[in-house]
Each structure stands twice: as structure tokens, then as C-alpha cells.
């Protein structure tokens, strides 16, 4: 897995900024444009896509593969599905390299005191022989998983705590997040690296890669409408920070 992974939010029309940009992303990312962007990622050296396990995404993934694409898929459970276990089985039909429990739902169960729902999902993913992860926006959820011995194969952690702050992006959050990452030996996939487009890319990547482990990776949404070379520019920045690795 490359240490820069393309994220799925822009492709799904989730800007984490405003409804107008959500709609703009949905209009831009037709199936052909999605496949074009995924091909750019492979051409630039990215080998993994993280995205939602819903009908729209698996259609795009399938078409990408039919066209000869080879991106690996890290799948997020679709939080709007009433039956997470059924969703996990649907996802597994498309050969993901990993499945993780959606972070917002994880945080919801943690705050409600019903974390056994997360444990059940992780067990189900593992029963299918698939790498199992836990997504969250809260470093304390990672600590909780470690304390109870849940032992997922990896964590997907937002460097900004959207569960506590909504769309407020406090720079202190990423300090707390990376402190937790360095304490836990398991691999982490890090989302909201750019604060949903609010951070300058060079600074955001520099902070992240100086404060995480060599086994961790950045997940970044790519929106090429206004920056057609964004995929290649992100790869260039990350390669410069990692010495070409």
C-alpha cells in the first residue's frame, strides 16, 4: 500500500464545506470523470482507494476494474445502511483488501455506551478472512479499543475531531491525534489531512509525515475540477517528503 491513498469523499459529493460544493462535486464526478481520476492516481503511483461501501462506489470500482484498473480498495461500511453486517457481506463480494467500521458510527456507539456493535462488526469482517479496521474521529476511541483488547488490524483516524467539533477544525486536534498514533503500534490511515481543503498541502503533508509512523498512510480526497494536476502535485509533495519512497 502506498503511503498516499486517494479518498472517496469528493467522488461521493461530500465536501465537508457546504452544500453548494457538495452539489458541484456530484455534477463533476460523472462515472467517466471518476474513472479518469482513478487512472491518474495509478499513473502517478498511488495504488489504493479508500471509499464507501455503497452501490454507487462499487459500480465505479467495478467499471474501473473492467477498464483494466488495479487500484486496491479499502472499504468503509455505509453508515446509512440499517444492517451493517449485511453491508459487510456486500462489500466483501468486491474483494477489498480491508474493511473498516465507519468512524461516525463508531463514535456514536462509543458515546452511547453500546460499543459492542463495533466489536460485532470487526468480528464479522474477520470471519470473512478480510483485514478489519476501526474508523473514528476521536483519539480516545483508539485508546478504548486498545484497553478492551478489540485488537483491530488497523485504525482509520481523522486528524481533526469532527465528532466533537462538527466542521470546526482546531489545529490542536491533529497534535492530539498524532500523539495517539505514535503510542499505538498498529498501522493508521489518516483522514482529513487537509482539513477538507482548508489547509495548505505542503504544510499539511509536512506536519503529518513528520509526526506519524512509517507504517501509517495519508488518505486524501482528490478534486480535479479546478486543479487538473492535483493528483500529480500531491504525489510530488509526498515523494519529496519521503525521499522518493
C-alpha atoms as a PDB file:
ATOM      1  CA  UNK A   1       0.000   0.000   0.000  1.00  0.00           C
ATOM      2  CA  UNK A   2       1.360   3.416  -0.944  1.00  0.00           C
ATOM      3  CA  UNK A   3       1.641   5.999   1.816  1.00  0.00           C
ATOM      4  CA  UNK A   4      -0.648   8.315  -0.116  1.00  0.00           C
ATOM      5  CA  UNK A   5      -4.109   6.875  -0.780  1.00  0.00           C
ATOM      6  CA  UNK A   6      -6.943   8.511  -2.689  1.00  0.00           C
ATOM      7  CA  UNK A   7     -10.009   9.131  -0.515  1.00  0.00           C
ATOM      8  CA  UNK A   8     -13.601   8.855  -1.652  1.00  0.00           C
ATOM      9  CA  UNK A   9     -15.394  11.907  -0.247  1.00  0.00           C
ATOM     10  CA  UNK A  10     -15.205  14.228  -3.287  1.00  0.00           C
ATOM     11  CA  UNK A  11     -16.258  11.366  -5.567  1.00  0.00           C
ATOM     12  CA  UNK A  12     -19.291  10.789  -3.334  1.00  0.00           C
ATOM     13  CA  UNK A  13     -20.050  14.521  -3.253  1.00  0.00           C
ATOM     14  CA  UNK A  14     -19.100  15.054   0.385  1.00  0.00           C
ATOM     15  CA  UNK A  15     -17.087  18.278   0.572  1.00  0.00           C
ATOM     16  CA  UNK A  16     -17.283  18.861   4.338  1.00  0.00           C
ATOM     17  CA  UNK A  17     -17.566  22.548   3.435  1.00  0.00           C
ATOM     18  CA  UNK A  18     -21.034  23.456   2.171  1.00  0.00           C
ATOM     19  CA  UNK A  19     -24.000  22.122   0.208  1.00  0.00           C
ATOM     20  CA  UNK A  20     -23.112  24.120  -2.896  1.00  0.00           C
ATOM     21  CA  UNK A  21     -19.725  22.436  -3.153  1.00  0.00           C
ATOM     22  CA  UNK A  22     -21.324  19.045  -2.450  1.00  0.00           C
ATOM     23  CA  UNK A  23     -23.564  19.534  -5.481  1.00  0.00           C
ATOM     24  CA  UNK A  24     -20.692  20.811  -7.609  1.00  0.00           C
ATOM     25  CA  UNK A  25     -18.684  17.685  -6.817  1.00  0.00           C
ATOM     26  CA  UNK A  26     -21.611  15.422  -7.687  1.00  0.00           C
ATOM     27  CA  UNK A  27     -22.113  17.191 -11.000  1.00  0.00           C
ATOM     28  CA  UNK A  28     -18.413  16.971 -11.827  1.00  0.00           C
ATOM     29  CA  UNK A  29     -17.798  13.379 -10.845  1.00  0.00           C
ATOM     30  CA  UNK A  30     -19.654  11.515 -13.527  1.00  0.00           C
ATOM     31  CA  UNK A  31     -18.668   7.863 -13.883  1.00  0.00           C
ATOM     32  CA  UNK A  32     -16.259   8.721 -16.687  1.00  0.00           C
ATOM     33  CA  UNK A  33     -14.628  11.500 -14.663  1.00  0.00           C
ATOM     34  CA  UNK A  34     -14.296   9.193 -11.660  1.00  0.00           C
ATOM     35  CA  UNK A  35     -12.530   6.601 -13.780  1.00  0.00           C
ATOM     36  CA  UNK A  36     -10.281   9.273 -15.277  1.00  0.00           C
ATOM     37  CA  UNK A  37      -9.214  10.417 -11.812  1.00  0.00           C
ATOM     38  CA  UNK A  38      -8.577   6.850 -10.665  1.00  0.00           C
ATOM     39  CA  UNK A  39      -6.447   6.256 -13.760  1.00  0.00           C
ATOM     40  CA  UNK A  40      -4.476   9.404 -12.929  1.00  0.00           C
ATOM     41  CA  UNK A  41      -3.841   8.016  -9.446  1.00  0.00           C
ATOM     42  CA  UNK A  42      -2.461   4.780 -10.830  1.00  0.00           C
ATOM     43  CA  UNK A  43      -0.365   6.675 -13.375  1.00  0.00           C
ATOM     44  CA  UNK A  44       1.076   8.818 -10.559  1.00  0.00           C
ATOM     45  CA  UNK A  45       1.944   5.746  -8.473  1.00  0.00           C
ATOM     46  CA  UNK A  46      -0.949   5.599  -5.990  1.00  0.00           C
ATOM     47  CA  UNK A  47      -2.160   2.005  -5.618  1.00  0.00           C
ATOM     48  CA  UNK A  48      -5.087   2.191  -3.157  1.00  0.00           C
ATOM     49  CA  UNK A  49      -8.541   3.811  -2.996  1.00  0.00           C
ATOM     50  CA  UNK A  50     -10.461   4.315   0.260  1.00  0.00           C
ATOM     51  CA  UNK A  51     -14.182   4.854  -0.157  1.00  0.00           C
ATOM     52  CA  UNK A  52     -17.689   3.985   0.989  1.00  0.00           C
ATOM     53  CA  UNK A  53     -19.117   0.521   0.530  1.00  0.00           C
ATOM     54  CA  UNK A  54     -22.327   1.638  -1.190  1.00  0.00           C
ATOM     55  CA  UNK A  55     -23.907   0.781  -4.543  1.00  0.00           C
ATOM     56  CA  UNK A  56     -22.546   3.852  -6.319  1.00  0.00           C
ATOM     57  CA  UNK A  57     -18.948   3.250  -5.286  1.00  0.00           C
ATOM     58  CA  UNK A  58     -18.937  -0.476  -6.068  1.00  0.00           C
ATOM     59  CA  UNK A  59     -20.306   0.360  -9.521  1.00  0.00           C
ATOM     60  CA  UNK A  60     -17.434   2.795 -10.083  1.00  0.00           C
ATOM     61  CA  UNK A  61     -14.913   0.305  -8.700  1.00  0.00           C
ATOM     62  CA  UNK A  62     -16.230  -2.454 -10.935  1.00  0.00           C
ATOM     63  CA  UNK A  63     -16.077  -0.259 -14.042  1.00  0.00           C
ATOM     64  CA  UNK A  64     -12.535   0.819 -13.132  1.00  0.00           C
ATOM     65  CA  UNK A  65     -11.520  -2.824 -12.948  1.00  0.00           C
ATOM     66  CA  UNK A  66     -13.318  -3.718 -16.192  1.00  0.00           C
ATOM     67  CA  UNK A  67     -11.253  -0.982 -17.878  1.00  0.00           C
ATOM     68  CA  UNK A  68      -8.065  -2.628 -16.614  1.00  0.00           C
ATOM     69  CA  UNK A  69      -7.607  -0.632 -13.383  1.00  0.00           C
ATOM     70  CA  UNK A  70      -5.806  -2.290 -10.492  1.00  0.00           C
ATOM     71  CA  UNK A  71      -6.360   0.004  -7.523  1.00  0.00           C
ATOM     72  CA  UNK A  72      -6.706  -1.834  -4.231  1.00  0.00           C
ATOM     73  CA  UNK A  73      -9.841  -0.997  -2.257  1.00  0.00           C
ATOM     74  CA  UNK A  74     -10.130  -0.122   1.443  1.00  0.00           C
ATOM     75  CA  UNK A  75     -13.872  -0.076   2.121  1.00  0.00           C
ATOM     76  CA  UNK A  76     -15.824   1.867   4.720  1.00  0.00           C
ATOM     77  CA  UNK A  77     -19.119   0.457   5.936  1.00  0.00           C
ATOM     78  CA  UNK A  78     -22.011   2.603   4.672  1.00  0.00           C
ATOM     79  CA  UNK A  79     -23.467   4.235   7.759  1.00  0.00           C
ATOM     80  CA  UNK A  80     -26.932   4.779   6.295  1.00  0.00           C
ATOM     81  CA  UNK A  81     -27.470   1.038   5.860  1.00  0.00           C
ATOM     82  CA  UNK A  82     -29.704  -0.351   8.582  1.00  0.00           C
ATOM     83  CA  UNK A  83     -27.870  -3.679   8.610  1.00  0.00           C
ATOM     84  CA  UNK A  84     -24.107  -3.222   8.904  1.00  0.00           C
ATOM     85  CA  UNK A  85     -23.440  -6.965   8.824  1.00  0.00           C
ATOM     86  CA  UNK A  86     -25.299  -7.326   5.515  1.00  0.00           C
ATOM     87  CA  UNK A  87     -23.342  -4.362   4.141  1.00  0.00           C
ATOM     88  CA  UNK A  88     -20.063  -6.012   5.136  1.00  0.00           C
ATOM     89  CA  UNK A  89     -21.036  -9.089   3.136  1.00  0.00           C
ATOM     90  CA  UNK A  90     -21.963  -6.948   0.123  1.00  0.00           C
ATOM     91  CA  UNK A  91     -18.602  -5.182   0.306  1.00  0.00           C
ATOM     92  CA  UNK A  92     -16.727  -8.476   0.542  1.00  0.00           C
ATOM     93  CA  UNK A  93     -18.070  -9.542  -2.863  1.00  0.00           C
ATOM     94  CA  UNK A  94     -15.846  -6.863  -4.457  1.00  0.00           C
ATOM     95  CA  UNK A  95     -12.566  -8.134  -2.997  1.00  0.00           C
ATOM     96  CA  UNK A  96     -11.456  -5.270  -0.749  1.00  0.00           C
ATOM     97  CA  UNK A  97      -8.055  -5.552   0.851  1.00  0.00           C
ATOM     98  CA  UNK A  98      -9.610  -4.213   4.067  1.00  0.00           C
ATOM     99  CA  UNK A  99     -12.954  -3.150   5.557  1.00  0.00           C
ATOM    100  CA  UNK A 100     -13.380  -0.774   8.474  1.00  0.00           C
ATOM    101  CA  UNK A 101     -16.307   0.298  10.620  1.00  0.00           C
ATOM    102  CA  UNK A 102     -17.422   3.835   9.719  1.00  0.00           C
ATOM    103  CA  UNK A 103     -15.933   6.414  12.085  1.00  0.00           C
ATOM    104  CA  UNK A 104     -19.051   8.462  12.757  1.00  0.00           C
ATOM    105  CA  UNK A 105     -20.963   5.328  13.740  1.00  0.00           C
ATOM    106  CA  UNK A 106     -18.065   4.127  15.857  1.00  0.00           C
ATOM    107  CA  UNK A 107     -18.076   7.416  17.756  1.00  0.00           C
ATOM    108  CA  UNK A 108     -21.862   7.257  18.109  1.00  0.00           C
ATOM    109  CA  UNK A 109     -21.717   3.803  19.701  1.00  0.00           C
ATOM    110  CA  UNK A 110     -18.804   4.842  21.941  1.00  0.00           C
ATOM    111  CA  UNK A 111     -20.679   7.850  23.307  1.00  0.00           C
ATOM    112  CA  UNK A 112     -23.876   5.818  23.791  1.00  0.00           C
ATOM    113  CA  UNK A 113     -22.078   3.032  25.642  1.00  0.00           C
ATOM    114  CA  UNK A 114     -23.021   0.430  23.008  1.00  0.00           C
ATOM    115  CA  UNK A 115     -19.548  -0.291  21.665  1.00  0.00           C
ATOM    116  CA  UNK A 116     -20.367  -3.975  21.280  1.00  0.00           C
ATOM    117  CA  UNK A 117     -21.860  -3.032  17.897  1.00  0.00           C
ATOM    118  CA  UNK A 118     -18.376  -2.065  16.713  1.00  0.00           C
ATOM    119  CA  UNK A 119     -16.927  -5.263  18.146  1.00  0.00           C
ATOM    120  CA  UNK A 120     -19.547  -7.298  16.305  1.00  0.00           C
ATOM    121  CA  UNK A 121     -18.686  -5.650  13.000  1.00  0.00           C
ATOM    122  CA  UNK A 122     -14.951  -6.217  13.440  1.00  0.00           C
ATOM    123  CA  UNK A 123     -15.585  -9.887  14.261  1.00  0.00           C
ATOM    124  CA  UNK A 124     -17.762 -10.255  11.152  1.00  0.00           C
ATOM    125  CA  UNK A 125     -15.121  -8.708   8.877  1.00  0.00           C
ATOM    126  CA  UNK A 126     -12.519 -11.058  10.289  1.00  0.00           C
ATOM    127  CA  UNK A 127     -14.808 -14.063   9.845  1.00  0.00           C
ATOM    128  CA  UNK A 128     -14.652 -13.374   6.091  1.00  0.00           C
ATOM    129  CA  UNK A 129     -10.866 -13.507   6.119  1.00  0.00           C
ATOM    130  CA  UNK A 130     -10.554  -9.767   5.493  1.00  0.00           C
ATOM    131  CA  UNK A 131      -8.321  -7.227   7.210  1.00  0.00           C
ATOM    132  CA  UNK A 132     -10.529  -5.465   9.786  1.00  0.00           C
ATOM    133  CA  UNK A 133     -10.294  -1.861  10.934  1.00  0.00           C
ATOM    134  CA  UNK A 134     -11.995   0.668  13.182  1.00  0.00           C
ATOM    135  CA  UNK A 135     -12.658   4.201  11.983  1.00  0.00           C
ATOM    136  CA  UNK A 136     -13.007   7.118  14.396  1.00  0.00           C
ATOM    137  CA  UNK A 137     -12.576  10.882  14.775  1.00  0.00           C
ATOM    138  CA  UNK A 138     -11.655  10.552  18.459  1.00  0.00           C
ATOM    139  CA  UNK A 139      -8.215   9.501  19.787  1.00  0.00           C
ATOM    140  CA  UNK A 140      -9.907   8.281  22.978  1.00  0.00           C
ATOM    141  CA  UNK A 141     -11.788   5.679  20.927  1.00  0.00           C
ATOM    142  CA  UNK A 142      -8.433   4.259  19.830  1.00  0.00           C
ATOM    143  CA  UNK A 143      -7.386   4.134  23.489  1.00  0.00           C
ATOM    144  CA  UNK A 144     -10.650   2.386  24.360  1.00  0.00           C
ATOM    145  CA  UNK A 145     -10.143  -0.273  21.673  1.00  0.00           C
ATOM    146  CA  UNK A 146      -6.663  -0.948  22.990  1.00  0.00           C
ATOM    147  CA  UNK A 147      -7.882  -1.130  26.581  1.00  0.00           C
ATOM    148  CA  UNK A 148     -10.642  -3.655  25.884  1.00  0.00           C
ATOM    149  CA  UNK A 149      -8.437  -5.782  23.648  1.00  0.00           C
ATOM    150  CA  UNK A 150     -10.511  -5.350  20.488  1.00  0.00           C
ATOM    151  CA  UNK A 151      -7.262  -5.600  18.532  1.00  0.00           C
ATOM    152  CA  UNK A 152      -8.296  -4.420  15.035  1.00  0.00           C
ATOM    153  CA  UNK A 153      -5.721  -4.833  12.293  1.00  0.00           C
ATOM    154  CA  UNK A 154      -5.601  -1.090  11.723  1.00  0.00           C
ATOM    155  CA  UNK A 155      -7.277   2.208  12.619  1.00  0.00           C
ATOM    156  CA  UNK A 156      -8.611   4.886  10.319  1.00  0.00           C
ATOM    157  CA  UNK A 157      -8.387   8.125  12.306  1.00  0.00           C
ATOM    158  CA  UNK A 158      -9.372  11.673  11.437  1.00  0.00           C
ATOM    159  CA  UNK A 159      -6.646  14.123  12.448  1.00  0.00           C
ATOM    160  CA  UNK A 160      -9.448  16.567  13.268  1.00  0.00           C
ATOM    161  CA  UNK A 161     -12.134  15.617  15.782  1.00  0.00           C
ATOM    162  CA  UNK A 162     -15.313  16.273  13.798  1.00  0.00           C
ATOM    163  CA  UNK A 163     -17.402  14.300  16.285  1.00  0.00           C
ATOM    164  CA  UNK A 164     -16.697  16.889  18.957  1.00  0.00           C
ATOM    165  CA  UNK A 165     -16.453  19.997  16.763  1.00  0.00           C
ATOM    166  CA  UNK A 166     -18.638  19.396  13.719  1.00  0.00           C
ATOM    167  CA  UNK A 167     -16.936  21.218  10.852  1.00  0.00           C
ATOM    168  CA  UNK A 168     -14.715  23.187  13.232  1.00  0.00           C
ATOM    169  CA  UNK A 169     -11.057  22.382  12.518  1.00  0.00           C
ATOM    170  CA  UNK A 170      -8.872  23.064  15.566  1.00  0.00           C
ATOM    171  CA  UNK A 171      -5.118  22.688  14.859  1.00  0.00           C
ATOM    172  CA  UNK A 172      -4.656  21.241  18.357  1.00  0.00           C
ATOM    173  CA  UNK A 173      -6.665  18.200  17.272  1.00  0.00           C
ATOM    174  CA  UNK A 174      -4.005  16.982  14.905  1.00  0.00           C
ATOM    175  CA  UNK A 175      -1.400  17.239  17.643  1.00  0.00           C
ATOM    176  CA  UNK A 176      -3.528  15.027  19.891  1.00  0.00           C
ATOM    177  CA  UNK A 177      -4.247  12.619  17.040  1.00  0.00           C
ATOM    178  CA  UNK A 178      -0.607  12.144  16.095  1.00  0.00           C
ATOM    179  CA  UNK A 179       0.382  11.678  19.735  1.00  0.00           C
ATOM    180  CA  UNK A 180      -2.037   8.749  19.903  1.00  0.00           C
ATOM    181  CA  UNK A 181      -0.790   7.359  16.587  1.00  0.00           C
ATOM    182  CA  UNK A 182       2.772   7.210  17.876  1.00  0.00           C
ATOM    183  CA  UNK A 183       1.670   5.395  21.057  1.00  0.00           C
ATOM    184  CA  UNK A 184      -0.084   2.561  19.234  1.00  0.00           C
ATOM    185  CA  UNK A 185       1.935   0.081  17.158  1.00  0.00           C
ATOM    186  CA  UNK A 186      -0.836  -0.782  14.703  1.00  0.00           C
ATOM    187  CA  UNK A 187      -0.982   0.932  11.285  1.00  0.00           C
ATOM    188  CA  UNK A 188      -3.137   4.032  10.912  1.00  0.00           C
ATOM    189  CA  UNK A 189      -4.792   5.512   7.857  1.00  0.00           C
ATOM    190  CA  UNK A 190      -5.204   9.259   8.425  1.00  0.00           C
ATOM    191  CA  UNK A 191      -8.099  11.250   7.003  1.00  0.00           C
ATOM    192  CA  UNK A 192      -8.919  14.994   6.956  1.00  0.00           C
ATOM    193  CA  UNK A 193      -5.228  15.689   6.451  1.00  0.00           C
ATOM    194  CA  UNK A 194      -6.102  18.877   4.566  1.00  0.00           C
ATOM    195  CA  UNK A 195      -8.979  19.801   6.897  1.00  0.00           C
ATOM    196  CA  UNK A 196     -11.307  19.188   3.934  1.00  0.00           C
ATOM    197  CA  UNK A 197      -9.430  21.603   1.664  1.00  0.00           C
ATOM    198  CA  UNK A 198      -8.771  24.272   4.281  1.00  0.00           C
ATOM    199  CA  UNK A 199      -5.049  23.559   4.828  1.00  0.00           C
ATOM    200  CA  UNK A 200      -2.161  24.368   2.519  1.00  0.00           C
ATOM    201  CA  UNK A 201      -0.986  20.990   1.093  1.00  0.00           C
ATOM    202  CA  UNK A 202       2.767  21.372   1.634  1.00  0.00           C
ATOM    203  CA  UNK A 203       2.331  22.310   5.287  1.00  0.00           C
ATOM    204  CA  UNK A 204      -0.358  19.690   5.922  1.00  0.00           C
ATOM    205  CA  UNK A 205       1.668  16.820   4.465  1.00  0.00           C
ATOM    206  CA  UNK A 206       4.857  18.009   6.168  1.00  0.00           C
ATOM    207  CA  UNK A 207       3.199  18.069   9.581  1.00  0.00           C
ATOM    208  CA  UNK A 208       1.624  14.670   9.105  1.00  0.00           C
ATOM    209  CA  UNK A 209       4.602  12.711   7.839  1.00  0.00           C
ATOM    210  CA  UNK A 210       6.893  14.198  10.483  1.00  0.00           C
ATOM    211  CA  UNK A 211       4.529  13.049  13.226  1.00  0.00           C
ATOM    212  CA  UNK A 212       3.369   9.553  12.217  1.00  0.00           C
ATOM    213  CA  UNK A 213       4.999   6.142  11.939  1.00  0.00           C
ATOM    214  CA  UNK A 214       6.492   4.610   8.756  1.00  0.00           C
ATOM    215  CA  UNK A 215       3.619   2.092   8.771  1.00  0.00           C
ATOM    216  CA  UNK A 216       0.956   4.828   8.558  1.00  0.00           C
ATOM    217  CA  UNK A 217      -0.543   6.422   5.432  1.00  0.00           C
ATOM    218  CA  UNK A 218      -2.433   9.562   4.411  1.00  0.00           C
ATOM    219  CA  UNK A 219      -5.878   9.311   2.807  1.00  0.00           C
ATOM    220  CA  UNK A 220      -6.643  12.402   0.726  1.00  0.00           C
ATOM    221  CA  UNK A 221      -9.653  13.215  -1.409  1.00  0.00           C
ATOM    222  CA  UNK A 222      -8.773  14.446  -4.893  1.00  0.00           C
ATOM    223  CA  UNK A 223     -10.990  17.026  -6.621  1.00  0.00           C
ATOM    224  CA  UNK A 224      -9.571  17.817 -10.031  1.00  0.00           C
ATOM    225  CA  UNK A 225     -12.146  20.238 -11.438  1.00  0.00           C
ATOM    226  CA  UNK A 226     -10.253  23.402 -10.510  1.00  0.00           C
ATOM    227  CA  UNK A 227      -6.824  21.753 -10.189  1.00  0.00           C
ATOM    228  CA  UNK A 228      -6.444  19.227 -13.030  1.00  0.00           C
ATOM    229  CA  UNK A 229      -2.932  18.282 -11.854  1.00  0.00           C
ATOM    230  CA  UNK A 230      -3.878  17.871  -8.195  1.00  0.00           C
ATOM    231  CA  UNK A 231      -3.233  14.123  -8.127  1.00  0.00           C
ATOM    232  CA  UNK A 232       0.276  14.529  -9.526  1.00  0.00           C
ATOM    233  CA  UNK A 233       1.035  17.526  -7.312  1.00  0.00           C
ATOM    234  CA  UNK A 234       0.017  15.666  -4.156  1.00  0.00           C
ATOM    235  CA  UNK A 235       2.193  12.717  -5.128  1.00  0.00           C
ATOM    236  CA  UNK A 236       5.101  15.069  -5.843  1.00  0.00           C
ATOM    237  CA  UNK A 237       4.831  16.671  -2.405  1.00  0.00           C
ATOM    238  CA  UNK A 238       4.626  13.356  -0.578  1.00  0.00           C
ATOM    239  CA  UNK A 239       7.522  11.869  -2.547  1.00  0.00           C
ATOM    240  CA  UNK A 240       9.663  14.902  -1.744  1.00  0.00           C
ATOM    241  CA  UNK A 241       8.929  14.480   1.969  1.00  0.00           C
ATOM    242  CA  UNK A 242       9.584  10.730   1.931  1.00  0.00           C
ATOM    243  CA  UNK A 243      12.718  10.899  -0.162  1.00  0.00           C
ATOM    244  CA  UNK A 244      11.095   9.418  -3.237  1.00  0.00           C
ATOM    245  CA  UNK A 245       9.618   6.373  -1.461  1.00  0.00           C
END
